[in-house]
């Protein structure tokens, strides 16, 4: 869920959505890694509509 990821990254849901649309998938993963307190990357699965962790 976007709200859960936004909360984890310390940004708004709108920011997550903006970055997802603006960045290519590998760059979105890197952006998430920079924001996530555990350094975890995240990717969006279009089939499920969910975000999944990427190590």
PDB file of N, CA and C in Angstrom:
ATOM      1  N   UNK A   1       0.838  -1.183   0.000  1.00  0.00           N
ATOM      2  CA  UNK A   1       0.000   0.000   0.000  1.00  0.00           C
ATOM      3  C   UNK A   1       0.887   1.251   0.000  1.00  0.00           C
ATOM      4  N   UNK A   2       0.458   2.214  -0.753  1.00  0.00           N
ATOM      5  CA  UNK A   2       1.226   3.455  -0.881  1.00  0.00           C
ATOM      6  C   UNK A   2       1.386   4.177   0.459  1.00  0.00           C
ATOM      7  N   UNK A   3       0.317   4.181   1.266  1.00  0.00           N
ATOM      8  CA  UNK A   3       0.401   4.903   2.535  1.00  0.00           C
ATOM      9  C   UNK A   3       1.418   4.258   3.475  1.00  0.00           C
ATOM     10  N   UNK A   4       1.493   2.932   3.457  1.00  0.00           N
ATOM     11  CA  UNK A   4       2.466   2.240   4.296  1.00  0.00           C
ATOM     12  C   UNK A   4       3.892   2.542   3.865  1.00  0.00           C
ATOM     13  N   UNK A   5       4.131   2.524   2.567  1.00  0.00           N
ATOM     14  CA  UNK A   5       5.467   2.823   2.053  1.00  0.00           C
ATOM     15  C   UNK A   5       5.815   4.283   2.319  1.00  0.00           C
ATOM     16  N   UNK A   6       4.859   5.177   2.099  1.00  0.00           N
ATOM     17  CA  UNK A   6       5.098   6.604   2.340  1.00  0.00           C
ATOM     18  C   UNK A   6       5.485   6.833   3.791  1.00  0.00           C
ATOM     19  N   UNK A   7       4.771   6.196   4.699  1.00  0.00           N
ATOM     20  CA  UNK A   7       5.067   6.324   6.126  1.00  0.00           C
ATOM     21  C   UNK A   7       6.466   5.786   6.438  1.00  0.00           C
ATOM     22  N   UNK A   8       6.785   4.636   5.884  1.00  0.00           N
ATOM     23  CA  UNK A   8       8.109   4.026   6.107  1.00  0.00           C
ATOM     24  C   UNK A   8       9.237   4.917   5.592  1.00  0.00           C
ATOM     25  N   UNK A   9       8.988   5.590   4.449  1.00  0.00           N
ATOM     26  CA  UNK A   9      10.021   6.429   3.845  1.00  0.00           C
ATOM     27  C   UNK A   9      10.023   7.858   4.403  1.00  0.00           C
ATOM     28  N   UNK A  10       8.998   8.199   5.189  1.00  0.00           N
ATOM     29  CA  UNK A  10       8.931   9.535   5.774  1.00  0.00           C
ATOM     30  C   UNK A  10       8.560  10.612   4.768  1.00  0.00           C
ATOM     31  N   UNK A  11       7.757  10.244   3.768  1.00  0.00           N
ATOM     32  CA  UNK A  11       7.306  11.191   2.745  1.00  0.00           C
ATOM     33  C   UNK A  11       5.792  11.043   2.578  1.00  0.00           C
ATOM     34  N   UNK A  12       5.192  11.915   1.779  1.00  0.00           N
ATOM     35  CA  UNK A  12       3.747  11.827   1.538  1.00  0.00           C
ATOM     36  C   UNK A  12       3.452  10.780   0.461  1.00  0.00           C
ATOM     37  N   UNK A  13       2.202  10.328   0.428  1.00  0.00           N
ATOM     38  CA  UNK A  13       1.786   9.390  -0.616  1.00  0.00           C
ATOM     39  C   UNK A  13       1.960  10.020  -1.989  1.00  0.00           C
ATOM     40  N   UNK A  14       1.701  11.322  -2.080  1.00  0.00           N
ATOM     41  CA  UNK A  14       1.853  12.035  -3.343  1.00  0.00           C
ATOM     42  C   UNK A  14       3.301  11.984  -3.831  1.00  0.00           C
ATOM     43  N   UNK A  15       4.239  12.130  -2.895  1.00  0.00           N
ATOM     44  CA  UNK A  15       5.663  12.082  -3.251  1.00  0.00           C
ATOM     45  C   UNK A  15       6.028  10.704  -3.792  1.00  0.00           C
ATOM     46  N   UNK A  16       5.552   9.651  -3.142  1.00  0.00           N
ATOM     47  CA  UNK A  16       5.818   8.287  -3.621  1.00  0.00           C
ATOM     48  C   UNK A  16       5.283   8.135  -5.038  1.00  0.00           C
ATOM     49  N   UNK A  17       4.043   8.580  -5.265  1.00  0.00           N
ATOM     50  CA  UNK A  17       3.412   8.459  -6.578  1.00  0.00           C
ATOM     51  C   UNK A  17       4.187   9.251  -7.629  1.00  0.00           C
ATOM     52  N   UNK A  18       4.571  10.471  -7.287  1.00  0.00           N
ATOM     53  CA  UNK A  18       5.347  11.321  -8.213  1.00  0.00           C
ATOM     54  C   UNK A  18       6.642  10.646  -8.629  1.00  0.00           C
ATOM     55  N   UNK A  19       7.378  10.145  -7.630  1.00  0.00           N
ATOM     56  CA  UNK A  19       8.669   9.521  -7.922  1.00  0.00           C
ATOM     57  C   UNK A  19       8.483   8.240  -8.736  1.00  0.00           C
ATOM     58  N   UNK A  20       7.437   7.477  -8.429  1.00  0.00           N
ATOM     59  CA  UNK A  20       7.165   6.249  -9.171  1.00  0.00           C
ATOM     60  C   UNK A  20       6.925   6.558 -10.645  1.00  0.00           C
ATOM     61  N   UNK A  21       6.181   7.625 -10.916  1.00  0.00           N
ATOM     62  CA  UNK A  21       5.871   7.991 -12.297  1.00  0.00           C
ATOM     63  C   UNK A  21       7.050   8.637 -13.010  1.00  0.00           C
ATOM     64  N   UNK A  22       7.862   9.370 -12.257  1.00  0.00           N
ATOM     65  CA  UNK A  22       8.961  10.164 -12.834  1.00  0.00           C
ATOM     66  C   UNK A  22      10.208   9.323 -13.106  1.00  0.00           C
ATOM     67  N   UNK A  23      10.498   8.384 -12.228  1.00  0.00           N
ATOM     68  CA  UNK A  23      11.765   7.645 -12.301  1.00  0.00           C
ATOM     69  C   UNK A  23      11.600   6.285 -12.978  1.00  0.00           C
ATOM     70  N   UNK A  24      12.652   5.860 -13.675  1.00  0.00           N
ATOM     71  CA  UNK A  24      12.689   4.492 -14.198  1.00  0.00           C
ATOM     72  C   UNK A  24      12.761   3.552 -13.000  1.00  0.00           C
ATOM     73  N   UNK A  25      12.237   2.325 -13.113  1.00  0.00           N
ATOM     74  CA  UNK A  25      12.201   1.408 -11.961  1.00  0.00           C
ATOM     75  C   UNK A  25      13.506   1.279 -11.161  1.00  0.00           C
ATOM     76  N   UNK A  26      14.682   1.114 -11.804  1.00  0.00           N
ATOM     77  CA  UNK A  26      15.906   1.000 -10.988  1.00  0.00           C
ATOM     78  C   UNK A  26      16.191   2.281 -10.189  1.00  0.00           C
ATOM     79  N   UNK A  27      15.835   3.422 -10.745  1.00  0.00           N
ATOM     80  CA  UNK A  27      16.057   4.686 -10.036  1.00  0.00           C
ATOM     81  C   UNK A  27      15.062   4.849  -8.893  1.00  0.00           C
ATOM     82  N   UNK A  28      13.847   4.352  -9.080  1.00  0.00           N
ATOM     83  CA  UNK A  28      12.862   4.393  -7.991  1.00  0.00           C
ATOM     84  C   UNK A  28      13.340   3.529  -6.829  1.00  0.00           C
ATOM     85  N   UNK A  29      13.862   2.341  -7.148  1.00  0.00           N
ATOM     86  CA  UNK A  29      14.414   1.463  -6.109  1.00  0.00           C
ATOM     87  C   UNK A  29      15.526   2.191  -5.347  1.00  0.00           C
ATOM     88  N   UNK A  30      16.419   2.847  -6.080  1.00  0.00           N
ATOM     89  CA  UNK A  30      17.533   3.580  -5.457  1.00  0.00           C
ATOM     90  C   UNK A  30      17.016   4.739  -4.611  1.00  0.00           C
ATOM     91  N   UNK A  31      16.001   5.450  -5.096  1.00  0.00           N
ATOM     92  CA  UNK A  31      15.412   6.563  -4.345  1.00  0.00           C
ATOM     93  C   UNK A  31      14.836   6.045  -3.027  1.00  0.00           C
ATOM     94  N   UNK A  32      14.126   4.912  -3.089  1.00  0.00           N
ATOM     95  CA  UNK A  32      13.568   4.310  -1.878  1.00  0.00           C
ATOM     96  C   UNK A  32      14.667   3.912  -0.898  1.00  0.00           C
ATOM     97  N   UNK A  33      15.744   3.319  -1.420  1.00  0.00           N
ATOM     98  CA  UNK A  33      16.860   2.904  -0.553  1.00  0.00           C
ATOM     99  C   UNK A  33      17.416   4.093   0.213  1.00  0.00           C
ATOM    100  N   UNK A  34      17.479   5.247  -0.447  1.00  0.00           N
ATOM    101  CA  UNK A  34      17.994   6.448   0.192  1.00  0.00           C
ATOM    102  C   UNK A  34      17.082   6.987   1.279  1.00  0.00           C
ATOM    103  N   UNK A  35      15.794   6.675   1.207  1.00  0.00           N
ATOM    104  CA  UNK A  35      14.808   7.173   2.171  1.00  0.00           C
ATOM    105  C   UNK A  35      14.504   6.167   3.279  1.00  0.00           C
ATOM    106  N   UNK A  36      14.622   4.875   2.972  1.00  0.00           N
ATOM    107  CA  UNK A  36      14.235   3.822   3.919  1.00  0.00           C
ATOM    108  C   UNK A  36      15.252   3.707   5.044  1.00  0.00           C
ATOM    109  N   UNK A  37      14.752   3.719   6.286  1.00  0.00           N
ATOM    110  CA  UNK A  37      15.674   3.677   7.436  1.00  0.00           C
ATOM    111  C   UNK A  37      16.482   2.379   7.506  1.00  0.00           C
ATOM    112  N   UNK A  38      15.985   1.327   6.876  1.00  0.00           N
ATOM    113  CA  UNK A  38      16.729   0.062   6.817  1.00  0.00           C
ATOM    114  C   UNK A  38      17.530  -0.085   5.533  1.00  0.00           C
ATOM    115  N   UNK A  39      17.464   0.938   4.664  1.00  0.00           N
ATOM    116  CA  UNK A  39      18.193   0.884   3.402  1.00  0.00           C
ATOM    117  C   UNK A  39      17.587  -0.077   2.404  1.00  0.00           C
ATOM    118  N   UNK A  40      16.292  -0.388   2.580  1.00  0.00           N
ATOM    119  CA  UNK A  40      15.601  -1.325   1.702  1.00  0.00           C
ATOM    120  C   UNK A  40      15.084  -0.603   0.457  1.00  0.00           C
ATOM    121  N   UNK A  41      15.271  -1.226  -0.685  1.00  0.00           N
ATOM    122  CA  UNK A  41      14.691  -0.697  -1.917  1.00  0.00           C
ATOM    123  C   UNK A  41      13.293  -1.266  -2.100  1.00  0.00           C
ATOM    124  N   UNK A  42      12.480  -0.545  -2.832  1.00  0.00           N
ATOM    125  CA  UNK A  42      11.110  -1.002  -3.076  1.00  0.00           C
ATOM    126  C   UNK A  42      10.779  -0.863  -4.547  1.00  0.00           C
ATOM    127  N   UNK A  43      10.001  -1.828  -5.059  1.00  0.00           N
ATOM    128  CA  UNK A  43       9.537  -1.728  -6.443  1.00  0.00           C
ATOM    129  C   UNK A  43       8.031  -1.952  -6.469  1.00  0.00           C
ATOM    130  N   UNK A  44       7.405  -1.391  -7.493  1.00  0.00           N
ATOM    131  CA  UNK A  44       5.963  -1.482  -7.644  1.00  0.00           C
ATOM    132  C   UNK A  44       5.625  -2.598  -8.614  1.00  0.00           C
ATOM    133  N   UNK A  45       4.692  -3.464  -8.220  1.00  0.00           N
ATOM    134  CA  UNK A  45       4.235  -4.536  -9.090  1.00  0.00           C
ATOM    135  C   UNK A  45       2.906  -4.109  -9.697  1.00  0.00           C
ATOM    136  N   UNK A  46       2.899  -3.861 -10.995  1.00  0.00           N
ATOM    137  CA  UNK A  46       1.689  -3.374 -11.667  1.00  0.00           C
ATOM    138  C   UNK A  46       0.559  -4.403 -11.652  1.00  0.00           C
ATOM    139  N   UNK A  47       0.901  -5.681 -11.610  1.00  0.00           N
ATOM    140  CA  UNK A  47      -0.125  -6.726 -11.608  1.00  0.00           C
ATOM    141  C   UNK A  47      -0.907  -6.773 -10.300  1.00  0.00           C
ATOM    142  N   UNK A  48      -0.214  -6.555  -9.184  1.00  0.00           N
ATOM    143  CA  UNK A  48      -0.874  -6.644  -7.880  1.00  0.00           C
ATOM    144  C   UNK A  48      -1.220  -5.273  -7.306  1.00  0.00           C
ATOM    145  N   UNK A  49      -0.557  -4.226  -7.813  1.00  0.00           N
ATOM    146  CA  UNK A  49      -0.775  -2.890  -7.256  1.00  0.00           C
ATOM    147  C   UNK A  49      -0.085  -2.697  -5.920  1.00  0.00           C
ATOM    148  N   UNK A  50       0.879  -3.575  -5.617  1.00  0.00           N
ATOM    149  CA  UNK A  50       1.577  -3.532  -4.334  1.00  0.00           C
ATOM    150  C   UNK A  50       3.057  -3.199  -4.527  1.00  0.00           C
ATOM    151  N   UNK A  51       3.645  -2.689  -3.445  1.00  0.00           N
ATOM    152  CA  UNK A  51       5.088  -2.433  -3.421  1.00  0.00           C
ATOM    153  C   UNK A  51       5.761  -3.610  -2.738  1.00  0.00           C
ATOM    154  N   UNK A  52       6.900  -4.041  -3.305  1.00  0.00           N
ATOM    155  CA  UNK A  52       7.626  -5.187  -2.776  1.00  0.00           C
ATOM    156  C   UNK A  52       9.070  -4.784  -2.475  1.00  0.00           C
ATOM    157  N   UNK A  53       9.619  -5.314  -1.371  1.00  0.00           N
ATOM    158  CA  UNK A  53      11.018  -4.998  -1.038  1.00  0.00           C
ATOM    159  C   UNK A  53      11.983  -5.648  -2.017  1.00  0.00           C
ATOM    160  N   UNK A  54      13.073  -4.924  -2.266  1.00  0.00           N
ATOM    161  CA  UNK A  54      14.138  -5.406  -3.146  1.00  0.00           C
ATOM    162  C   UNK A  54      15.435  -5.261  -2.366  1.00  0.00           C
ATOM    163  N   UNK A  55      16.199  -6.343  -2.260  1.00  0.00           N
ATOM    164  CA  UNK A  55      17.436  -6.241  -1.476  1.00  0.00           C
ATOM    165  C   UNK A  55      18.572  -5.697  -2.299  1.00  0.00           C
TER     166      UNK A  55
END
